[in-house]
Protein backbone atom coordinates (compact mmCIF):
# COMPACT_ATOMS: atom_id res chain seq x y z
CA MET A 1 -42.72 -18.34 57.56
CA ALA A 2 -44.59 -16.33 60.17
CA GLN A 3 -45.89 -18.29 63.14
CA LEU A 4 -49.05 -17.96 65.20
CA LEU A 5 -49.01 -17.94 68.99
CA ASN A 6 -50.01 -21.11 70.81
CA GLN A 7 -52.52 -21.25 73.64
CA ASN A 8 -49.74 -21.34 76.25
CA ASP A 9 -47.72 -18.50 74.71
CA ASN A 10 -48.53 -15.83 77.25
CA ARG A 11 -46.19 -12.86 77.59
CA THR A 12 -45.05 -12.51 81.19
CA ALA A 13 -44.31 -8.79 80.97
CA ARG A 14 -42.73 -6.23 78.65
CA CYS A 15 -38.97 -6.31 78.19
CA ALA A 16 -37.94 -3.47 80.49
CA GLU A 17 -40.39 -4.39 83.24
CA PHE A 18 -38.01 -7.01 84.66
CA SER A 19 -35.26 -6.34 87.20
CA ALA A 20 -32.78 -8.13 89.48
CA LYS A 21 -35.74 -9.01 91.70
CA ASP A 22 -36.86 -11.43 88.96
CA ILE A 23 -33.65 -13.53 88.92
CA GLY A 24 -34.61 -17.20 88.77
CA ARG A 25 -38.03 -16.48 87.29
CA GLU A 26 -39.30 -18.43 84.27
CA VAL A 27 -40.52 -15.93 81.67
CA CYS A 28 -41.97 -15.60 78.19
CA VAL A 29 -41.04 -12.41 76.34
CA MET A 30 -41.82 -11.09 72.86
CA GLY A 31 -40.55 -8.22 70.73
CA TRP A 32 -38.24 -7.15 67.93
CA ALA A 33 -34.56 -8.01 67.58
CA GLN A 34 -32.66 -4.75 68.02
CA ARG A 35 -29.41 -6.50 67.13
CA GLN A 36 -27.75 -9.91 67.23
CA ARG A 37 -24.14 -10.39 68.35
CA ASP A 38 -22.48 -13.65 67.34
CA LEU A 39 -19.38 -14.35 69.45
CA GLY A 40 -18.93 -17.94 68.25
CA SER A 41 -19.85 -20.00 71.29
CA LEU A 42 -22.02 -17.15 72.59
CA ILE A 43 -24.90 -15.30 70.92
CA PHE A 44 -26.62 -12.29 72.42
CA ILE A 45 -29.84 -10.75 71.09
CA ASP A 46 -31.17 -7.40 72.31
CA LEU A 47 -34.94 -7.81 72.37
CA ARG A 48 -36.89 -4.56 72.10
CA ASP A 49 -40.46 -3.53 72.71
CA ARG A 50 -42.06 -0.22 73.64
CA SER A 51 -40.76 -0.47 77.23
CA GLY A 52 -37.08 -0.91 76.32
CA ILE A 53 -34.39 -3.59 75.87
CA LEU A 54 -33.87 -7.04 77.42
CA GLN A 55 -30.85 -9.17 76.57
CA LEU A 56 -31.37 -12.78 75.44
CA ALA A 57 -28.39 -15.10 76.00
CA PHE A 58 -27.45 -18.32 74.18
CA ASP A 59 -24.38 -20.35 75.26
CA GLU A 60 -22.97 -23.88 75.50
CA ASN A 61 -25.87 -24.90 77.75
CA THR A 62 -28.47 -23.83 75.19
CA ASP A 63 -30.26 -26.51 73.19
CA ARG A 64 -28.50 -26.80 69.82
CA ALA A 65 -31.66 -26.21 67.77
CA VAL A 66 -32.41 -23.08 69.78
CA PHE A 67 -28.80 -21.88 69.34
CA ASP A 68 -29.00 -22.46 65.57
CA THR A 69 -32.26 -20.47 65.40
CA ALA A 70 -30.61 -17.58 67.27
CA PHE A 71 -27.79 -17.65 64.70
CA THR A 72 -30.32 -16.88 61.91
CA VAL A 73 -31.92 -13.88 63.66
CA ARG A 74 -31.43 -10.46 62.08
CA SER A 75 -32.49 -6.94 62.99
CA GLU A 76 -36.24 -6.39 63.30
CA PHE A 77 -37.15 -10.09 63.35
CA VAL A 78 -40.16 -10.59 65.62
CA LEU A 79 -39.28 -13.12 68.33
CA LEU A 80 -40.79 -15.14 71.14
CA ALA A 81 -38.34 -16.34 73.79
CA LYS A 82 -38.85 -18.46 76.89
CA GLY A 83 -36.26 -19.00 79.55
CA THR A 84 -34.97 -18.01 82.98
CA ILE A 85 -33.95 -14.57 84.23
CA ARG A 86 -30.37 -14.64 85.48
CA ALA A 87 -27.70 -12.14 86.53
CA ARG A 88 -25.26 -11.06 83.85
CA GLY A 89 -21.70 -12.22 84.11
CA GLU A 90 -19.09 -10.21 85.98
CA GLY A 91 -18.06 -7.16 83.93
CA ALA A 92 -21.06 -7.55 81.60
CA VAL A 93 -23.45 -5.20 83.44
CA ASN A 94 -24.82 -2.38 81.25
CA LYS A 95 -25.60 0.62 83.44
CA ASN A 96 -27.15 2.52 80.51
CA ILE A 97 -30.39 0.52 80.47
CA PRO A 98 -32.80 -0.44 83.28
CA THR A 99 -32.35 -4.19 82.61
CA GLY A 100 -28.56 -3.96 82.42
CA GLU A 101 -28.00 -6.30 85.39
CA ILE A 102 -29.97 -9.23 83.97
CA GLU A 103 -30.50 -11.38 80.90
CA VAL A 104 -32.67 -14.31 79.84
CA ALA A 105 -31.03 -17.72 79.49
CA VAL A 106 -33.17 -18.87 76.56
CA SER A 107 -34.61 -22.38 76.46
CA GLU A 108 -37.07 -21.80 73.60
CA LEU A 109 -36.86 -19.35 70.70
CA ARG A 110 -39.34 -18.88 67.90
CA ILE A 111 -39.25 -16.48 64.98
CA LEU A 112 -42.77 -15.11 64.74
CA ALA A 113 -41.95 -13.02 61.67
CA SER A 114 -38.80 -12.32 59.68
CA ALA A 115 -37.91 -8.87 58.34
CA GLN A 116 -36.01 -7.26 55.52
CA THR A 117 -33.13 -4.95 56.41
CA PRO A 118 -34.86 -1.65 57.30
CA PRO A 119 -33.97 1.49 55.31
CA PHE A 120 -32.55 3.10 58.48
CA ALA A 121 -31.44 1.98 61.91
CA ILE A 122 -34.21 1.67 64.50
CA GLU A 123 -32.43 3.51 67.29
CA GLU A 124 -32.69 6.53 69.56
CA ASN A 125 -32.37 9.91 67.77
CA SER A 126 -31.53 8.26 64.47
CA ALA A 127 -30.01 10.83 62.06
CA VAL A 128 -32.22 10.12 59.07
CA ARG A 129 -33.71 12.44 56.46
CA PRO A 130 -37.24 13.47 57.56
CA GLU A 131 -38.66 12.44 54.18
CA LEU A 132 -37.33 8.90 54.59
CA ARG A 133 -38.58 8.68 58.16
CA LEU A 134 -42.08 9.76 57.12
CA THR A 135 -42.16 7.41 54.13
CA TYR A 136 -41.51 4.50 56.50
CA ARG A 137 -43.36 6.01 59.45
CA TYR A 138 -44.34 2.59 60.84
CA LEU A 139 -40.61 1.88 61.25
CA ASP A 140 -39.86 5.39 62.48
CA LEU A 141 -42.49 4.88 65.19
CA ARG A 142 -40.51 1.91 66.54
CA ARG A 143 -37.70 4.27 67.60
CA PRO A 144 -37.65 4.63 71.41
CA ASP A 145 -37.60 8.44 71.48
CA LEU A 146 -40.56 8.75 69.11
CA GLN A 147 -42.50 6.05 70.95
CA GLY A 148 -41.84 7.96 74.16
CA ASN A 149 -43.36 11.09 72.62
CA ILE A 150 -46.53 9.29 71.54
CA ILE A 151 -46.88 7.56 74.92
CA ALA A 152 -46.41 10.93 76.68
CA ARG A 153 -49.12 12.43 74.46
CA SER A 154 -51.49 9.67 75.51
CA LYS A 155 -50.71 10.34 79.16
CA ILE A 156 -51.35 14.07 78.69
CA SER A 157 -54.72 13.32 77.09
CA ASN A 158 -55.66 11.12 80.03
CA ILE A 159 -54.59 13.78 82.54
CA ALA A 160 -56.84 16.26 80.70
CA ARG A 161 -59.80 13.87 80.73
CA ASN A 162 -59.38 13.13 84.42
CA TYR A 163 -58.89 16.78 85.42
CA TYR A 164 -61.91 18.09 83.58
CA ALA A 165 -64.10 15.17 84.71
CA GLU A 166 -63.08 15.86 88.33
CA ASN A 167 -64.14 19.48 87.80
CA GLY A 168 -67.63 18.68 86.57
CA PHE A 169 -67.10 18.72 82.80
CA ILE A 170 -69.03 16.34 80.55
CA ASP A 171 -67.20 14.73 77.61
CA ILE A 172 -69.46 15.24 74.56
CA GLU A 173 -68.64 14.50 70.92
CA THR A 174 -69.65 16.98 68.25
CA PRO A 175 -70.13 16.19 64.53
CA ASP A 176 -67.26 15.77 62.07
CA LEU A 177 -69.55 16.39 59.09
CA ILE A 178 -71.00 19.89 59.36
CA LYS A 179 -72.37 22.68 57.21
CA PRO A 180 -69.72 24.59 55.21
CA SER A 181 -68.97 28.14 56.35
CA PRO A 182 -66.77 30.58 54.40
CA GLU A 183 -65.57 32.38 57.55
CA GLY A 184 -62.00 31.74 58.78
CA ALA A 185 -59.65 29.37 56.94
CA ARG A 186 -60.71 27.25 53.99
CA ASP A 187 -62.92 24.29 54.79
CA TYR A 188 -62.15 20.74 53.76
CA LEU A 189 -65.26 19.75 51.80
CA VAL A 190 -66.87 16.31 51.69
CA PRO A 191 -69.39 15.62 48.89
CA SER A 192 -72.69 14.04 49.88
CA ARG A 193 -73.88 11.04 47.88
CA VAL A 194 -77.45 11.17 49.18
CA HIS A 195 -77.72 14.95 48.64
CA PRO A 196 -76.29 15.39 45.12
CA GLY A 197 -74.45 18.67 44.61
CA LYS A 198 -74.24 19.42 48.32
CA PHE A 199 -71.23 19.19 50.60
CA TYR A 200 -70.36 18.73 54.22
CA ALA A 201 -67.34 20.48 55.72
CA LEU A 202 -64.89 19.04 58.21
CA PRO A 203 -64.95 21.26 61.35
CA GLN A 204 -62.28 23.92 61.81
CA SER A 205 -63.34 23.78 65.47
CA PRO A 206 -66.45 22.71 67.40
CA GLN A 207 -67.20 26.40 68.16
CA LEU A 208 -70.90 26.66 67.32
CA TYR A 209 -71.75 23.19 68.61
CA LYS A 210 -70.14 23.77 72.00
CA GLN A 211 -72.04 27.06 72.32
CA LEU A 212 -75.25 25.19 71.50
CA LEU A 213 -74.40 22.68 74.23
CA MET A 214 -74.43 25.63 76.64
CA VAL A 215 -77.84 26.63 75.25
CA ALA A 216 -78.87 23.01 75.87
CA GLY A 217 -77.97 23.33 79.54
CA PHE A 218 -74.98 21.00 79.87
CA ASP A 219 -73.16 23.72 81.83
CA ARG A 220 -69.61 22.35 81.42
CA TYR A 221 -68.46 20.67 78.20
CA PHE A 222 -65.13 19.05 77.37
CA GLN A 223 -63.82 17.24 74.30
CA ILE A 224 -60.51 16.18 72.78
CA ALA A 225 -61.61 17.24 69.33
CA ARG A 226 -60.21 16.71 65.86
CA CYS A 227 -60.14 19.89 63.75
CA PHE A 228 -59.35 20.56 60.08
CA ARG A 229 -58.15 23.62 58.18
CA ASP A 230 -57.17 23.79 54.53
CA GLU A 231 -54.36 26.32 54.88
CA ASP A 232 -50.67 26.65 54.13
CA LEU A 233 -48.55 24.69 56.59
CA ARG A 234 -45.52 25.55 58.71
CA ALA A 235 -43.44 23.79 61.34
CA ASP A 236 -46.08 24.03 64.08
CA ARG A 237 -49.20 23.58 61.93
CA GLN A 238 -50.94 20.59 60.37
CA PRO A 239 -54.07 20.43 58.19
CA GLU A 240 -55.64 18.16 60.83
CA PHE A 241 -54.95 18.83 64.47
CA THR A 242 -56.30 18.12 67.93
CA GLN A 243 -57.80 20.52 70.46
CA ILE A 244 -58.52 20.18 74.15
CA ASP A 245 -61.85 21.97 73.87
CA VAL A 246 -63.71 23.46 76.85
CA GLU A 247 -66.89 25.52 77.35
CA MET A 248 -68.55 26.74 80.58
CA SER A 249 -71.83 28.45 81.44
CA PHE A 250 -72.47 31.19 83.99
CA VAL A 251 -68.82 32.24 84.04
CA LYS A 252 -66.62 35.29 83.77
CA GLN A 253 -63.17 35.51 82.21
CA ASP A 254 -61.55 34.89 85.60
CA ASP A 255 -63.45 31.62 86.02
CA VAL A 256 -62.22 30.20 82.71
CA ILE A 257 -58.67 31.31 83.46
CA ALA A 258 -58.73 29.71 86.93
CA VAL A 259 -59.87 26.33 85.58
CA THR A 260 -57.24 26.50 82.82
CA GLU A 261 -54.41 27.35 85.21
CA GLY A 262 -55.47 24.46 87.43
CA PHE A 263 -55.17 22.07 84.51
CA LEU A 264 -51.72 23.31 83.49
CA LYS A 265 -50.50 23.19 87.08
CA LYS A 266 -51.65 19.57 87.38
CA LEU A 267 -50.18 18.67 83.99
CA TRP A 268 -46.71 20.06 84.68
CA LYS A 269 -46.65 18.40 88.10
CA GLU A 270 -47.67 14.95 86.83
CA MET A 271 -45.54 15.01 83.69
CA LEU A 272 -42.39 16.85 84.84
CA ASN A 273 -42.76 17.03 88.63
CA ILE A 274 -42.55 20.82 88.35
CA ASP A 275 -44.68 23.09 90.54
CA ILE A 276 -45.56 26.02 88.32
CA GLU A 277 -46.69 29.17 90.11
CA THR A 278 -50.23 30.41 89.65
CA PRO A 279 -51.86 32.76 88.97
CA PHE A 280 -49.96 33.50 85.78
CA LEU A 281 -48.91 36.98 84.72
CA ARG A 282 -51.61 38.82 82.75
CA MET A 283 -50.81 41.44 80.14
CA GLU A 284 -53.12 43.41 77.88
CA TYR A 285 -52.65 42.99 74.13
CA LYS A 286 -51.63 46.65 73.71
CA GLU A 287 -48.86 46.36 76.30
CA ALA A 288 -47.63 43.06 74.83
CA MET A 289 -47.29 44.63 71.39
CA GLU A 290 -45.63 47.79 72.72
CA ARG A 291 -43.08 45.89 74.84
CA PHE A 292 -42.47 42.72 72.83
CA GLY A 293 -43.84 43.34 69.33
CA SER A 294 -45.96 40.19 69.64
CA ASP A 295 -49.25 38.98 71.09
CA LYS A 296 -47.41 35.85 72.25
CA PRO A 297 -44.33 37.22 74.01
CA ASP A 298 -41.41 35.06 75.11
CA LEU A 299 -40.51 36.22 78.63
CA ARG A 300 -37.36 34.13 79.06
CA PHE A 301 -35.14 37.06 78.08
CA GLY A 302 -35.26 40.87 77.77
CA PHE A 303 -34.62 42.76 74.52
CA GLU A 304 -37.86 44.71 75.00
CA LEU A 305 -38.99 47.25 72.42
CA LYS A 306 -38.53 50.96 73.18
CA ASN A 307 -40.29 53.74 71.29
CA LEU A 308 -37.85 56.36 69.94
CA SER A 309 -40.43 58.32 67.93
CA ASP A 310 -40.53 61.30 70.29
CA ILE A 311 -36.72 61.58 70.23
CA VAL A 312 -36.51 61.67 66.43
CA ALA A 313 -39.84 63.40 65.76
CA ASN A 314 -38.08 66.45 64.28
CA THR A 315 -35.04 64.73 62.81
CA GLU A 316 -33.78 65.53 59.34
CA PHE A 317 -32.98 61.84 58.78
CA LYS A 318 -35.59 60.94 56.15
CA VAL A 319 -35.81 57.23 57.04
CA PHE A 320 -36.99 58.03 60.56
CA ALA A 321 -38.91 61.21 59.73
CA GLY A 322 -40.76 59.56 56.84
CA ALA A 323 -42.00 56.66 58.97
CA ILE A 324 -43.40 59.05 61.59
CA ALA A 325 -44.96 61.34 58.96
CA ASN A 326 -46.79 58.34 57.49
CA GLY A 327 -48.34 57.50 60.84
CA GLY A 328 -45.76 54.90 61.81
CA SER A 329 -43.10 54.84 64.49
CA VAL A 330 -39.40 54.36 65.19
CA ARG A 331 -38.66 51.63 67.75
CA ALA A 332 -35.62 49.64 68.83
CA ILE A 333 -34.39 46.68 70.86
CA ASN A 334 -31.13 46.33 72.79
CA VAL A 335 -29.55 42.94 72.10
CA LYS A 336 -27.29 42.39 75.10
CA GLY A 337 -24.15 40.60 73.87
CA GLY A 338 -24.99 41.44 70.25
CA ALA A 339 -21.96 43.70 69.80
CA ALA A 340 -19.99 40.53 69.11
CA TYR A 341 -21.88 40.17 65.80
CA SER A 342 -19.77 40.81 62.71
CA ARG A 343 -20.87 43.21 60.00
CA LYS A 344 -21.84 40.20 57.89
CA GLU A 345 -24.04 38.87 60.69
CA ILE A 346 -25.68 42.29 61.12
CA ASP A 347 -26.36 42.41 57.37
CA ALA A 348 -27.99 38.99 57.74
CA LEU A 349 -30.23 40.43 60.46
CA ALA A 350 -31.25 43.17 58.00
CA ASP A 351 -32.19 40.51 55.44
CA PHE A 352 -34.16 38.71 58.15
CA ALA A 353 -36.01 41.97 58.90
CA LYS A 354 -36.95 42.37 55.24
CA SER A 355 -38.79 39.03 55.37
CA TYR A 356 -41.20 40.81 57.75
CA ARG A 357 -41.75 43.64 55.20
CA ALA A 358 -39.30 46.05 56.86
CA LYS A 359 -37.52 48.26 54.34
CA GLY A 360 -34.29 48.06 56.30
CA LEU A 361 -32.67 47.88 59.70
CA ALA A 362 -30.59 50.56 61.40
CA TRP A 363 -28.07 49.69 64.10
CA THR A 364 -25.65 50.98 66.70
CA LYS A 365 -23.26 48.92 68.80
CA MET A 366 -20.69 49.45 71.52
CA ALA A 367 -17.68 47.10 71.60
CA ASN A 368 -14.67 47.67 73.85
CA GLY A 369 -15.90 51.16 74.61
CA GLU A 370 -16.12 52.22 70.95
CA VAL A 371 -19.46 53.03 69.30
CA SER A 372 -20.15 52.30 65.63
CA SER A 373 -23.44 52.96 63.89
CA SER A 374 -25.25 52.87 60.56
CA PHE A 375 -27.25 56.04 61.30
CA ALA A 376 -25.52 58.15 63.99
CA LYS A 377 -23.97 60.51 61.42
CA PHE A 378 -27.47 61.48 60.20
CA LEU A 379 -28.64 62.57 63.67
CA THR A 380 -27.66 65.41 65.97
CA PRO A 381 -25.41 64.68 68.96
CA GLU A 382 -28.40 65.37 71.22
CA GLU A 383 -30.57 62.82 69.36
CA ASN A 384 -27.84 60.19 69.48
CA ALA A 385 -27.30 60.78 73.20
CA ALA A 386 -31.02 60.55 73.92
CA ILE A 387 -31.29 57.26 72.01
CA ALA A 388 -28.28 55.82 73.88
CA GLU A 389 -29.81 56.84 77.20
CA ARG A 390 -33.26 55.40 76.48
CA MET A 391 -31.81 52.16 75.14
CA GLU A 392 -29.42 51.95 78.12
CA LEU A 393 -26.51 51.40 75.75
CA SER A 394 -23.46 49.85 77.40
CA ASP A 395 -20.42 47.87 76.33
CA GLY A 396 -21.34 44.71 74.44
CA ASP A 397 -24.75 45.98 73.29
CA LEU A 398 -26.26 46.02 69.81
CA ILE A 399 -29.18 48.39 69.19
CA LEU A 400 -31.45 47.41 66.29
CA VAL A 401 -33.83 50.10 65.01
CA CYS A 402 -36.85 49.72 62.72
CA ALA A 403 -38.83 52.62 61.26
CA ASP A 404 -42.09 51.84 59.47
CA LYS A 405 -45.81 51.36 60.00
CA ASP A 406 -46.50 50.19 63.53
CA GLN A 407 -47.51 46.65 62.54
CA VAL A 408 -44.39 46.19 60.42
CA VAL A 409 -42.23 47.51 63.26
CA PHE A 410 -43.88 45.20 65.79
CA ASP A 411 -43.64 42.15 63.54
CA THR A 412 -40.01 42.86 62.65
CA LEU A 413 -38.62 43.65 66.10
CA GLY A 414 -40.78 40.99 67.74
CA ALA A 415 -39.27 38.36 65.45
CA LEU A 416 -35.74 39.81 65.71
CA ARG A 417 -35.67 39.71 69.51
CA CYS A 418 -36.49 35.98 69.44
CA HIS A 419 -34.10 35.31 66.55
CA CYS A 420 -31.21 36.99 68.36
CA ALA A 421 -32.03 35.29 71.67
CA LYS A 422 -31.86 31.93 69.93
CA LYS A 423 -28.52 32.78 68.31
CA LEU A 424 -27.18 33.82 71.71
CA GLY A 425 -28.36 30.60 73.37
CA LEU A 426 -30.85 32.30 75.72
CA LEU A 427 -33.83 30.01 75.06
CA ASP A 428 -33.81 27.36 77.78
CA PRO A 429 -36.59 24.84 76.95
CA LYS A 430 -36.82 23.90 80.63
CA ASP A 431 -37.56 27.48 81.70
CA PHE A 432 -41.36 27.69 81.52
CA LYS A 433 -42.72 31.23 81.41
CA PHE A 434 -46.53 31.20 81.27
CA MET A 435 -48.65 34.30 80.74
CA TRP A 436 -52.10 35.43 79.66
CA VAL A 437 -52.59 38.02 76.94
CA THR A 438 -55.97 39.71 77.38
CA ASP A 439 -58.09 42.54 75.96
CA PHE A 440 -57.46 41.72 72.30
CA PRO A 441 -58.95 43.93 69.59
CA LEU A 442 -62.40 42.67 68.67
CA PHE A 443 -61.77 43.34 64.97
CA GLU A 444 -58.80 43.57 62.63
CA TYR A 445 -58.86 45.62 59.45
CA SER A 446 -57.77 44.19 56.11
CA GLU A 447 -56.32 46.74 53.71
CA ASP A 448 -56.57 44.15 50.91
CA ASP A 449 -60.36 44.30 50.73
CA GLY A 450 -61.11 47.29 52.96
CA ARG A 451 -63.21 45.54 55.58
CA TYR A 452 -63.09 44.37 59.15
CA TYR A 453 -62.72 40.75 60.21
CA ALA A 454 -63.18 39.19 63.64
CA LYS A 455 -59.81 38.96 65.43
CA HIS A 456 -60.86 35.65 67.01
CA HIS A 457 -64.32 34.70 65.71
CA PRO A 458 -67.70 36.45 65.22
CA PHE A 459 -69.10 35.11 68.51
CA THR A 460 -66.68 36.88 70.87
CA MET A 461 -68.24 39.27 73.38
CA PRO A 462 -67.14 42.92 73.09
CA ASN A 463 -65.82 44.61 76.21
CA PRO A 464 -68.92 46.21 77.84
CA GLU A 465 -67.17 49.60 77.71
CA ASP A 466 -66.83 49.32 73.92
CA ILE A 467 -70.18 47.88 72.84
CA ASP A 468 -71.38 51.26 71.52
CA LYS A 469 -68.31 51.42 69.28
CA VAL A 470 -69.16 48.17 67.42
CA ASP A 471 -71.24 50.12 64.89
CA THR A 472 -69.31 53.41 64.87
CA ASP A 473 -65.63 52.65 65.54
CA PRO A 474 -64.93 48.90 65.19
CA GLY A 475 -61.15 49.38 65.26
CA ALA A 476 -61.35 50.73 68.83
CA CYS A 477 -63.37 47.81 70.22
CA ARG A 478 -61.77 45.43 72.67
CA ALA A 479 -62.85 41.83 73.13
CA ILE A 480 -63.25 39.75 76.27
CA ALA A 481 -60.70 37.36 74.81
CA TYR A 482 -57.62 35.74 76.27
CA ASP A 483 -54.71 33.63 75.01
CA ILE A 484 -52.49 31.40 77.13
CA VAL A 485 -48.85 31.81 76.04
CA LEU A 486 -45.78 29.78 76.94
CA ASN A 487 -42.27 30.77 75.86
CA GLY A 488 -43.41 32.66 72.79
CA THR A 489 -45.96 30.08 71.66
CA GLU A 490 -49.72 30.39 71.88
CA LEU A 491 -50.91 27.24 73.64
CA GLY A 492 -54.55 28.11 73.27
CA GLY A 493 -57.13 30.81 73.42
CA GLY A 494 -60.68 31.56 74.32
CA SER A 495 -63.24 34.22 75.03
CA ILE A 496 -66.47 35.04 76.72
CA ARG A 497 -69.13 34.54 74.04
CA ILE A 498 -71.97 36.76 72.91
CA HIS A 499 -75.20 35.44 74.46
CA ASP A 500 -77.46 38.33 73.46
CA ALA A 501 -79.19 38.12 70.06
CA GLU A 502 -79.15 41.90 69.56
CA ILE A 503 -75.37 42.18 70.20
CA GLN A 504 -74.76 39.19 67.92
CA SER A 505 -76.74 40.90 65.17
CA ARG A 506 -74.68 44.09 65.55
CA MET A 507 -71.50 42.02 65.41
CA PHE A 508 -72.60 40.39 62.16
CA LYS A 509 -73.42 43.78 60.62
CA ALA A 510 -70.00 45.18 61.61
CA LEU A 511 -68.41 42.24 59.79
CA GLY A 512 -70.49 42.91 56.66
CA ILE A 513 -72.72 39.88 57.24
CA SER A 514 -76.32 40.72 56.34
CA ASP A 515 -79.33 39.23 58.13
CA GLU A 516 -79.85 36.97 55.11
CA ASP A 517 -76.20 35.81 55.14
CA ALA A 518 -76.33 35.24 58.89
CA GLN A 519 -79.46 33.14 58.47
CA GLU A 520 -77.84 31.12 55.69
CA LYS A 521 -74.53 30.56 57.49
CA PHE A 522 -75.55 30.44 61.15
CA GLY A 523 -79.34 30.14 61.09
CA TYR A 524 -79.46 27.38 63.69
CA LEU A 525 -77.43 29.49 66.13
CA VAL A 526 -79.56 32.58 65.47
CA GLU A 527 -82.68 30.51 66.11
CA ALA A 528 -81.23 29.01 69.29
CA PHE A 529 -80.58 32.49 70.68
CA LYS A 530 -84.34 33.05 70.84
CA TYR A 531 -84.75 30.50 73.60
CA GLY A 532 -82.70 31.71 76.53
CA VAL A 533 -78.91 31.61 76.37
CA PRO A 534 -76.77 31.56 79.53
CA PRO A 535 -73.65 33.73 79.76
CA HIS A 536 -70.85 31.41 78.68
CA GLY A 537 -67.23 31.25 77.64
CA GLY A 538 -64.55 28.75 76.84
CA MET A 539 -61.07 27.77 75.91
CA ALA A 540 -59.29 25.57 73.39
CA PHE A 541 -55.73 24.23 73.63
CA GLY A 542 -53.73 22.98 70.69
CA LEU A 543 -52.83 19.54 72.03
CA ASP A 544 -50.04 19.02 69.48
CA ARG A 545 -48.27 22.27 70.45
CA LEU A 546 -48.84 21.63 74.14
CA VAL A 547 -47.14 18.23 73.97
CA THR A 548 -44.30 19.60 71.82
CA LEU A 549 -43.47 22.36 74.31
CA LEU A 550 -43.88 20.21 77.40
CA LEU A 551 -41.43 17.63 76.01
CA GLY A 552 -38.94 20.31 74.92
CA LEU A 553 -39.21 19.40 71.22
CA GLU A 554 -39.07 21.69 68.18
CA ASP A 555 -40.99 19.78 65.49
CA ILE A 556 -44.72 19.26 66.02
CA ARG A 557 -44.55 16.22 63.74
CA ASP A 558 -42.59 14.36 66.43
CA VAL A 559 -45.70 14.17 68.63
CA ILE A 560 -48.13 13.10 65.87
CA ALA A 561 -48.22 9.45 64.85
CA PHE A 562 -48.88 10.03 61.14
CA PRO A 563 -48.24 13.69 60.26
CA LYS A 564 -48.49 15.50 56.95
CA VAL A 565 -45.64 17.37 55.27
CA GLN A 566 -45.64 20.99 54.12
CA ASN A 567 -47.78 20.39 51.03
CA ALA A 568 -50.41 18.60 53.18
CA SER A 569 -49.56 15.16 51.80
CA GLU A 570 -48.69 12.02 53.73
CA LEU A 571 -45.55 10.41 52.35
CA MET A 572 -46.28 6.93 53.73
CA SER A 573 -49.76 6.35 52.25
CA LYS A 574 -49.32 8.87 49.40
CA ALA A 575 -52.48 10.70 50.47
CA PRO A 576 -54.26 12.54 48.97
CA GLY A 577 -55.15 10.34 46.02
CA LEU A 578 -57.71 10.10 43.23
CA PRO A 579 -60.88 8.09 43.84
CA ASP A 580 -61.90 5.68 41.10
CA ALA A 581 -64.14 6.89 38.31
CA GLY A 582 -67.14 4.98 39.66
CA ALA A 583 -67.00 6.76 42.99
CA LEU A 584 -66.83 10.16 41.29
CA GLU A 585 -69.75 9.31 39.01
CA GLU A 586 -71.83 8.18 41.98
CA LEU A 587 -71.19 11.55 43.63
CA GLY A 588 -71.89 13.47 40.43
CA LEU A 589 -68.35 14.89 40.36
CA ALA A 590 -65.68 15.27 37.72
CA VAL A 591 -62.01 16.20 38.11
CA ILE A 592 -60.80 19.14 36.01
CA ALA A 593 -57.03 19.15 35.49
CA LYS A 594 -55.26 22.42 36.32
CA GLU A 595 -52.18 23.69 34.57
CA GLU A 596 -48.93 23.62 36.60
CA ASN A 597 -48.66 27.41 36.63
CA GLU A 598 -52.27 28.09 37.65
């Protein structure tokens, strides 16, 4: 039977907070039994809490009733132990744990709660199916490595709060129940009981509210904000996530970047004792795409894209000629060390390329001085020589060529360079390469519905040189927008915002949003812009991704206490679930079943 604590049951410290300096000290410790070892006349129990392990010892000098209680202890029993810290016996020191020199000679032992045998071992880096771990997440969270991740996340949040407070930012909460907006990803909708037939939305970000706080004169805003998007998931995305959200008035792009770099410099120093160099490299979006095929380049290795279109502009090889004739390009990467790939592995790379809509993948490699190729026989000797020269082909190299529309080529080769670098073991998680990508397109065109969408959001300021193009040539407009990138991952992004009502109106029109639609969707912002808006801009970090990268982890779920799986459900609580009929009736709602194949 579970026991309550008595008035004099006061924990002295956590398990791993003791050391040889405490020998002879009377202590009271509490935690979970990691394991019990019965050696006949000796019993040892490893007591665990979030700080680590402390050994409890029971021997011939232990009170018999206490010894008998220790005999009944099993893994994950919750224990209270009182006794004296003493040095371990000769040859019994465990150098693998901080408390390996000491143990507690127990004089009192109480079982505060018993436990069933857990479905998996509660130990560091336990090799357990992810589905089982998430079903019993409360047990999974007892594992030392996972606890360390969550504790590190808390520390990172506190560093952010302290840094921004020291730099004059005010922590302000914004609403979690807001007006639905069809722009961006799908909203999570919340029905209103007091307004029948109407719905709130959970915020995809605090974007409009933090801009309104600038209108309100708060000057510098900061929030660790919860955000929600009803979209398909992947390894680094959750339906609910956390942002370090920042907005500043009377600033230029350089001011936002400087504050951001200061935060990251402080964070890496306090968490990893690494002095990262600032200012970070800046690269325009166009250059990033041309060189790396991505707006979030990984700079830890080479394999840069090279444009071969001019070399093969007049080729008779239809694969290359056709791509150029259709307005596309022919580009390639040189995978240093890739010549060791077998034909089967190269075919697998071609299949990988097709997942990015490429129709195929051409290749040339040089191994032991001999060149083999999938396309050389279709080109002239001069064309082959020019390609080899531009790609700096040497022994051990594998040249991968993609010919298609520019976006397909960029997506394909951008993904291939990272895929090959990973296969070749070139991605050192402790090599931190920060950079800014700037001058993004203001709009992106969708061929599906023949219209322009905002690349970031509709409130991003156009580059002053391109404002006149907003109405006439939206595809040529650049934005005052910037993303912070680390090792091929976007940590966050921001922009200078539109603070002029006339420019905002032109932006809405370019996006196909009429005055009436703008009033319906963003009326409160439109109204606010009539009352004097300061120039302002901001930044938002994905906290989950930031913690994942800083800790050198691969799965974002390992830094979230209770994450969702790919279908946006939570295996532990079985969310989402159906409310009872009474709740639905009160809200004026009914559930309509959908067929499996709908």
